[in-house]
Amino acid sequence: MIPGSKSDHPDFRKSFLFAIQGFRTAVATERNIKVMLAAGACAIVAGLALQLDLISWAIILLCCGAVITAELLNTAVETVVDLVSPEFHPLAGRAKDIAAAAVWVLSLLVGIVGILVFLNAILAKF
């Protein structure tokens, strides 16, 4: 809903379709989303190959979802910053850098979690 607008919020179905549209737009326009989806797909293939247990699957899927969500939020922040500050401004650059840093930190931690989960699965096989 637009502030000051008297129109009602879209119904649940329309809201869901807007979310899908946003995801498609991000996948079509953002390289990092594609990289993260590919990394997630690799993690799923590795999980299938190692026959992960239910808890390990939950951890891997939550980690994949968290990183993709963080990247989507980073993309949204960058888009809004570009909208309100089309010319370079140090604060705009700082906001974009900090949003990107949040994704970077999460990705590092998720990488460590992934190593631990997969290492545990590999060691359990032997």
N, C-alpha and C. Protein backbone atom coordinates (compact mmCIF):
# COMPACT_ATOMS: atom_id res chain seq x y z
N MET A 1 0.84 -1.18 0.00
CA MET A 1 0.00 0.00 0.00
C MET A 1 0.88 1.24 0.00
N ILE A 2 0.52 2.19 -0.79
CA ILE A 2 1.26 3.44 -0.89
C ILE A 2 0.79 4.38 0.21
N PRO A 3 1.71 4.98 0.99
CA PRO A 3 1.29 5.90 2.05
C PRO A 3 0.39 7.00 1.49
N GLY A 4 -0.71 7.28 2.18
CA GLY A 4 -1.66 8.30 1.73
C GLY A 4 -2.68 7.77 0.75
N SER A 5 -2.49 6.53 0.29
CA SER A 5 -3.42 5.93 -0.66
C SER A 5 -4.59 5.34 0.10
N LYS A 6 -5.77 5.42 -0.49
CA LYS A 6 -6.95 4.85 0.15
C LYS A 6 -7.23 3.44 -0.37
N SER A 7 -6.40 2.96 -1.27
CA SER A 7 -6.64 1.62 -1.80
C SER A 7 -6.27 0.56 -0.76
N ASP A 8 -6.96 -0.55 -0.83
CA ASP A 8 -6.71 -1.65 0.09
C ASP A 8 -5.46 -2.41 -0.33
N HIS A 9 -4.96 -3.19 0.61
CA HIS A 9 -3.84 -4.06 0.30
C HIS A 9 -4.29 -5.11 -0.70
N PRO A 10 -3.35 -5.59 -1.54
CA PRO A 10 -3.73 -6.68 -2.45
C PRO A 10 -4.05 -7.94 -1.66
N ASP A 11 -4.88 -8.78 -2.25
CA ASP A 11 -5.22 -10.03 -1.56
C ASP A 11 -4.00 -10.94 -1.50
N PHE A 12 -4.15 -12.04 -0.76
CA PHE A 12 -3.02 -12.95 -0.53
C PHE A 12 -2.44 -13.47 -1.84
N ARG A 13 -3.31 -13.87 -2.75
CA ARG A 13 -2.85 -14.42 -4.03
C ARG A 13 -2.02 -13.39 -4.80
N LYS A 14 -2.50 -12.15 -4.87
CA LYS A 14 -1.74 -11.11 -5.58
C LYS A 14 -0.41 -10.83 -4.89
N SER A 15 -0.42 -10.80 -3.56
CA SER A 15 0.82 -10.58 -2.83
C SER A 15 1.83 -11.68 -3.13
N PHE A 16 1.35 -12.91 -3.18
CA PHE A 16 2.21 -14.04 -3.49
C PHE A 16 2.77 -13.90 -4.90
N LEU A 17 1.93 -13.49 -5.85
CA LEU A 17 2.39 -13.30 -7.23
C LEU A 17 3.41 -12.17 -7.33
N PHE A 18 3.23 -11.11 -6.54
CA PHE A 18 4.22 -10.03 -6.51
C PHE A 18 5.56 -10.53 -6.00
N ALA A 19 5.52 -11.41 -4.99
CA ALA A 19 6.76 -11.98 -4.45
C ALA A 19 7.46 -12.83 -5.50
N ILE A 20 6.70 -13.63 -6.22
CA ILE A 20 7.29 -14.45 -7.29
C ILE A 20 7.89 -13.56 -8.36
N GLN A 21 7.17 -12.49 -8.71
CA GLN A 21 7.68 -11.54 -9.70
C GLN A 21 8.99 -10.92 -9.23
N GLY A 22 9.08 -10.55 -7.95
CA GLY A 22 10.30 -9.99 -7.40
C GLY A 22 11.45 -10.98 -7.45
N PHE A 23 11.16 -12.24 -7.13
CA PHE A 23 12.20 -13.27 -7.18
C PHE A 23 12.69 -13.46 -8.61
N ARG A 24 11.75 -13.53 -9.56
CA ARG A 24 12.14 -13.69 -10.97
C ARG A 24 12.99 -12.51 -11.45
N THR A 25 12.60 -11.31 -11.05
CA THR A 25 13.36 -10.13 -11.44
C THR A 25 14.78 -10.19 -10.89
N ALA A 26 14.90 -10.58 -9.62
CA ALA A 26 16.22 -10.68 -9.02
C ALA A 26 17.07 -11.73 -9.73
N VAL A 27 16.48 -12.88 -10.04
CA VAL A 27 17.23 -13.94 -10.73
C VAL A 27 17.63 -13.48 -12.13
N ALA A 28 16.76 -12.75 -12.79
CA ALA A 28 17.05 -12.30 -14.16
C ALA A 28 18.11 -11.19 -14.19
N THR A 29 18.19 -10.39 -13.12
CA THR A 29 19.05 -9.21 -13.19
C THR A 29 20.27 -9.25 -12.28
N GLU A 30 20.30 -10.14 -11.30
CA GLU A 30 21.38 -10.14 -10.32
C GLU A 30 22.24 -11.39 -10.43
N ARG A 31 23.50 -11.19 -10.76
CA ARG A 31 24.45 -12.30 -10.90
C ARG A 31 24.62 -13.07 -9.59
N ASN A 32 24.72 -12.36 -8.47
CA ASN A 32 24.98 -13.03 -7.19
C ASN A 32 23.86 -13.98 -6.79
N ILE A 33 22.62 -13.65 -7.13
CA ILE A 33 21.50 -14.56 -6.84
C ILE A 33 21.71 -15.86 -7.60
N LYS A 34 22.12 -15.75 -8.85
CA LYS A 34 22.35 -16.95 -9.67
C LYS A 34 23.47 -17.80 -9.07
N VAL A 35 24.53 -17.14 -8.62
CA VAL A 35 25.65 -17.86 -8.00
C VAL A 35 25.18 -18.57 -6.75
N MET A 36 24.39 -17.90 -5.93
CA MET A 36 23.93 -18.50 -4.68
C MET A 36 22.93 -19.63 -4.92
N LEU A 37 22.09 -19.48 -5.92
CA LEU A 37 21.19 -20.58 -6.28
C LEU A 37 21.98 -21.79 -6.78
N ALA A 38 23.03 -21.54 -7.56
CA ALA A 38 23.87 -22.64 -8.04
C ALA A 38 24.59 -23.31 -6.87
N ALA A 39 25.09 -22.52 -5.92
CA ALA A 39 25.75 -23.09 -4.75
C ALA A 39 24.76 -23.91 -3.93
N GLY A 40 23.55 -23.41 -3.79
CA GLY A 40 22.51 -24.15 -3.08
C GLY A 40 22.18 -25.46 -3.78
N ALA A 41 22.11 -25.42 -5.10
CA ALA A 41 21.85 -26.65 -5.86
C ALA A 41 22.98 -27.66 -5.66
N CYS A 42 24.22 -27.17 -5.63
CA CYS A 42 25.36 -28.06 -5.37
C CYS A 42 25.27 -28.68 -3.98
N ALA A 43 24.85 -27.88 -3.00
CA ALA A 43 24.69 -28.40 -1.64
C ALA A 43 23.61 -29.48 -1.60
N ILE A 44 22.54 -29.28 -2.34
CA ILE A 44 21.46 -30.27 -2.37
C ILE A 44 21.94 -31.55 -3.04
N VAL A 45 22.67 -31.43 -4.13
CA VAL A 45 23.22 -32.62 -4.81
C VAL A 45 24.18 -33.36 -3.87
N ALA A 46 25.04 -32.60 -3.19
CA ALA A 46 25.97 -33.23 -2.24
C ALA A 46 25.20 -33.91 -1.11
N GLY A 47 24.14 -33.27 -0.63
CA GLY A 47 23.33 -33.87 0.42
C GLY A 47 22.66 -35.16 -0.03
N LEU A 48 22.19 -35.18 -1.26
CA LEU A 48 21.60 -36.40 -1.81
C LEU A 48 22.65 -37.50 -1.93
N ALA A 49 23.84 -37.13 -2.40
CA ALA A 49 24.91 -38.11 -2.57
C ALA A 49 25.35 -38.69 -1.23
N LEU A 50 25.37 -37.85 -0.20
CA LEU A 50 25.81 -38.31 1.12
C LEU A 50 24.66 -38.86 1.97
N GLN A 51 23.46 -38.80 1.45
CA GLN A 51 22.27 -39.28 2.15
C GLN A 51 22.18 -38.66 3.55
N LEU A 52 22.10 -37.35 3.58
CA LEU A 52 22.04 -36.62 4.84
C LEU A 52 20.82 -37.05 5.66
N ASP A 53 20.97 -36.96 6.98
CA ASP A 53 19.83 -37.24 7.86
C ASP A 53 18.92 -36.01 7.89
N LEU A 54 17.76 -36.15 8.51
CA LEU A 54 16.74 -35.11 8.51
C LEU A 54 17.23 -33.79 9.12
N ILE A 55 17.93 -33.85 10.22
CA ILE A 55 18.44 -32.63 10.87
C ILE A 55 19.46 -31.94 9.97
N SER A 56 20.34 -32.70 9.35
CA SER A 56 21.33 -32.11 8.45
C SER A 56 20.65 -31.44 7.26
N TRP A 57 19.60 -32.07 6.73
CA TRP A 57 18.85 -31.46 5.63
C TRP A 57 18.24 -30.14 6.08
N ALA A 58 17.67 -30.14 7.28
CA ALA A 58 17.06 -28.91 7.79
C ALA A 58 18.11 -27.79 7.90
N ILE A 59 19.28 -28.13 8.39
CA ILE A 59 20.35 -27.14 8.54
C ILE A 59 20.77 -26.61 7.17
N ILE A 60 20.99 -27.51 6.22
CA ILE A 60 21.43 -27.10 4.88
C ILE A 60 20.38 -26.23 4.20
N LEU A 61 19.13 -26.65 4.27
CA LEU A 61 18.06 -25.88 3.61
C LEU A 61 17.86 -24.52 4.27
N LEU A 62 17.92 -24.47 5.60
CA LEU A 62 17.82 -23.17 6.28
C LEU A 62 18.98 -22.26 5.92
N CYS A 63 20.17 -22.81 5.84
CA CYS A 63 21.34 -22.01 5.46
C CYS A 63 21.19 -21.47 4.03
N CYS A 64 20.78 -22.32 3.12
CA CYS A 64 20.59 -21.88 1.73
C CYS A 64 19.53 -20.78 1.67
N GLY A 65 18.44 -20.99 2.36
CA GLY A 65 17.37 -20.00 2.38
C GLY A 65 17.80 -18.69 2.99
N ALA A 66 18.60 -18.75 4.05
CA ALA A 66 19.07 -17.54 4.72
C ALA A 66 19.97 -16.72 3.80
N VAL A 67 20.87 -17.39 3.10
CA VAL A 67 21.79 -16.66 2.20
C VAL A 67 21.03 -16.04 1.04
N ILE A 68 20.11 -16.78 0.45
CA ILE A 68 19.33 -16.24 -0.67
C ILE A 68 18.46 -15.07 -0.19
N THR A 69 17.87 -15.22 0.99
CA THR A 69 17.06 -14.13 1.55
C THR A 69 17.92 -12.90 1.80
N ALA A 70 19.10 -13.09 2.36
CA ALA A 70 19.99 -11.96 2.62
C ALA A 70 20.37 -11.26 1.31
N GLU A 71 20.64 -12.03 0.28
CA GLU A 71 20.99 -11.43 -1.01
C GLU A 71 19.81 -10.68 -1.61
N LEU A 72 18.61 -11.21 -1.45
CA LEU A 72 17.42 -10.50 -1.93
C LEU A 72 17.25 -9.17 -1.18
N LEU A 73 17.46 -9.20 0.14
CA LEU A 73 17.36 -7.96 0.91
C LEU A 73 18.46 -6.98 0.52
N ASN A 74 19.67 -7.48 0.27
CA ASN A 74 20.76 -6.63 -0.19
C ASN A 74 20.40 -5.98 -1.52
N THR A 75 19.82 -6.75 -2.41
CA THR A 75 19.40 -6.22 -3.71
C THR A 75 18.34 -5.14 -3.53
N ALA A 76 17.41 -5.37 -2.62
CA ALA A 76 16.37 -4.37 -2.35
C ALA A 76 16.97 -3.08 -1.79
N VAL A 77 17.91 -3.22 -0.86
CA VAL A 77 18.58 -2.04 -0.28
C VAL A 77 19.31 -1.28 -1.38
N GLU A 78 20.06 -1.99 -2.21
CA GLU A 78 20.80 -1.32 -3.28
C GLU A 78 19.86 -0.62 -4.26
N THR A 79 18.73 -1.24 -4.56
CA THR A 79 17.77 -0.64 -5.48
C THR A 79 17.18 0.64 -4.90
N VAL A 80 16.80 0.61 -3.62
CA VAL A 80 16.24 1.81 -2.98
C VAL A 80 17.29 2.90 -2.88
N VAL A 81 18.51 2.55 -2.53
CA VAL A 81 19.58 3.54 -2.45
C VAL A 81 19.81 4.18 -3.82
N ASP A 82 19.83 3.37 -4.86
CA ASP A 82 20.00 3.92 -6.21
C ASP A 82 18.85 4.84 -6.59
N LEU A 83 17.64 4.52 -6.11
CA LEU A 83 16.47 5.35 -6.41
C LEU A 83 16.58 6.71 -5.74
N VAL A 84 16.94 6.72 -4.46
CA VAL A 84 16.96 7.99 -3.72
C VAL A 84 18.26 8.76 -3.90
N SER A 85 19.30 8.09 -4.37
CA SER A 85 20.58 8.77 -4.56
C SER A 85 21.21 8.32 -5.88
N PRO A 86 20.64 8.77 -7.01
CA PRO A 86 21.18 8.34 -8.31
C PRO A 86 22.61 8.81 -8.55
N GLU A 87 22.98 9.93 -7.96
CA GLU A 87 24.36 10.41 -8.04
C GLU A 87 25.13 9.79 -6.89
N PHE A 88 26.43 9.62 -7.07
CA PHE A 88 27.22 9.03 -5.99
C PHE A 88 27.19 9.93 -4.76
N HIS A 89 26.98 9.28 -3.63
CA HIS A 89 27.07 9.97 -2.34
C HIS A 89 27.74 9.01 -1.38
N PRO A 90 28.69 9.49 -0.57
CA PRO A 90 29.41 8.59 0.34
C PRO A 90 28.48 7.78 1.26
N LEU A 91 27.40 8.38 1.74
CA LEU A 91 26.49 7.65 2.61
C LEU A 91 25.73 6.57 1.84
N ALA A 92 25.40 6.85 0.60
CA ALA A 92 24.74 5.84 -0.24
C ALA A 92 25.69 4.67 -0.46
N GLY A 93 26.93 4.97 -0.75
CA GLY A 93 27.93 3.91 -0.92
C GLY A 93 28.13 3.12 0.36
N ARG A 94 28.13 3.81 1.50
CA ARG A 94 28.28 3.13 2.77
C ARG A 94 27.12 2.18 3.03
N ALA A 95 25.90 2.63 2.77
CA ALA A 95 24.72 1.78 2.98
C ALA A 95 24.80 0.52 2.11
N LYS A 96 25.19 0.70 0.86
CA LYS A 96 25.30 -0.45 -0.04
C LYS A 96 26.42 -1.39 0.40
N ASP A 97 27.54 -0.83 0.83
CA ASP A 97 28.66 -1.67 1.29
C ASP A 97 28.29 -2.46 2.54
N ILE A 98 27.58 -1.82 3.46
CA ILE A 98 27.19 -2.50 4.69
C ILE A 98 26.19 -3.62 4.39
N ALA A 99 25.24 -3.37 3.50
CA ALA A 99 24.28 -4.42 3.13
C ALA A 99 25.01 -5.59 2.48
N ALA A 100 25.98 -5.31 1.63
CA ALA A 100 26.77 -6.37 1.01
C ALA A 100 27.61 -7.11 2.04
N ALA A 101 28.12 -6.39 3.02
CA ALA A 101 28.91 -7.02 4.08
C ALA A 101 28.06 -8.00 4.89
N ALA A 102 26.80 -7.67 5.10
CA ALA A 102 25.91 -8.57 5.83
C ALA A 102 25.78 -9.90 5.10
N VAL A 103 25.65 -9.84 3.79
CA VAL A 103 25.56 -11.07 2.99
C VAL A 103 26.87 -11.83 3.05
N TRP A 104 27.98 -11.11 2.98
CA TRP A 104 29.30 -11.73 3.03
C TRP A 104 29.51 -12.47 4.35
N VAL A 105 29.18 -11.82 5.47
CA VAL A 105 29.35 -12.45 6.78
C VAL A 105 28.48 -13.70 6.88
N LEU A 106 27.23 -13.58 6.49
CA LEU A 106 26.33 -14.73 6.53
C LEU A 106 26.85 -15.85 5.64
N SER A 107 27.34 -15.52 4.46
CA SER A 107 27.86 -16.54 3.54
C SER A 107 29.07 -17.26 4.14
N LEU A 108 29.95 -16.53 4.80
CA LEU A 108 31.09 -17.16 5.45
C LEU A 108 30.64 -18.15 6.53
N LEU A 109 29.71 -17.71 7.36
CA LEU A 109 29.22 -18.57 8.43
C LEU A 109 28.49 -19.79 7.87
N VAL A 110 27.69 -19.58 6.84
CA VAL A 110 26.99 -20.70 6.21
C VAL A 110 27.99 -21.66 5.58
N GLY A 111 29.06 -21.14 5.01
CA GLY A 111 30.11 -22.01 4.47
C GLY A 111 30.72 -22.90 5.55
N ILE A 112 30.97 -22.31 6.71
CA ILE A 112 31.52 -23.09 7.82
C ILE A 112 30.52 -24.15 8.28
N VAL A 113 29.26 -23.75 8.40
CA VAL A 113 28.21 -24.71 8.80
C VAL A 113 28.13 -25.84 7.77
N GLY A 114 28.18 -25.50 6.50
CA GLY A 114 28.12 -26.52 5.44
C GLY A 114 29.28 -27.49 5.53
N ILE A 115 30.46 -26.96 5.77
CA ILE A 115 31.64 -27.83 5.92
C ILE A 115 31.43 -28.78 7.09
N LEU A 116 30.95 -28.26 8.20
CA LEU A 116 30.73 -29.11 9.37
C LEU A 116 29.68 -30.19 9.11
N VAL A 117 28.59 -29.81 8.48
CA VAL A 117 27.52 -30.78 8.20
C VAL A 117 28.02 -31.86 7.24
N PHE A 118 28.67 -31.45 6.17
CA PHE A 118 29.13 -32.44 5.18
C PHE A 118 30.29 -33.27 5.71
N LEU A 119 31.18 -32.66 6.47
CA LEU A 119 32.27 -33.40 7.08
C LEU A 119 31.72 -34.46 8.05
N ASN A 120 30.73 -34.09 8.83
CA ASN A 120 30.09 -35.02 9.76
C ASN A 120 29.46 -36.18 8.97
N ALA A 121 28.80 -35.87 7.86
CA ALA A 121 28.17 -36.93 7.06
C ALA A 121 29.22 -37.86 6.44
N ILE A 122 30.32 -37.28 5.98
CA ILE A 122 31.38 -38.09 5.37
C ILE A 122 32.03 -38.98 6.44
N LEU A 123 32.32 -38.42 7.61
CA LEU A 123 32.96 -39.21 8.67
C LEU A 123 32.02 -40.30 9.20
N ALA A 124 30.73 -40.06 9.16
CA ALA A 124 29.76 -41.07 9.62
C ALA A 124 29.72 -42.27 8.68
N LYS A 125 30.11 -42.09 7.43
CA LYS A 125 30.13 -43.18 6.45
C LYS A 125 31.29 -44.13 6.70
N PHE A 126 32.33 -43.66 7.38
CA PHE A 126 33.52 -44.50 7.57
C PHE A 126 33.62 -45.03 8.95
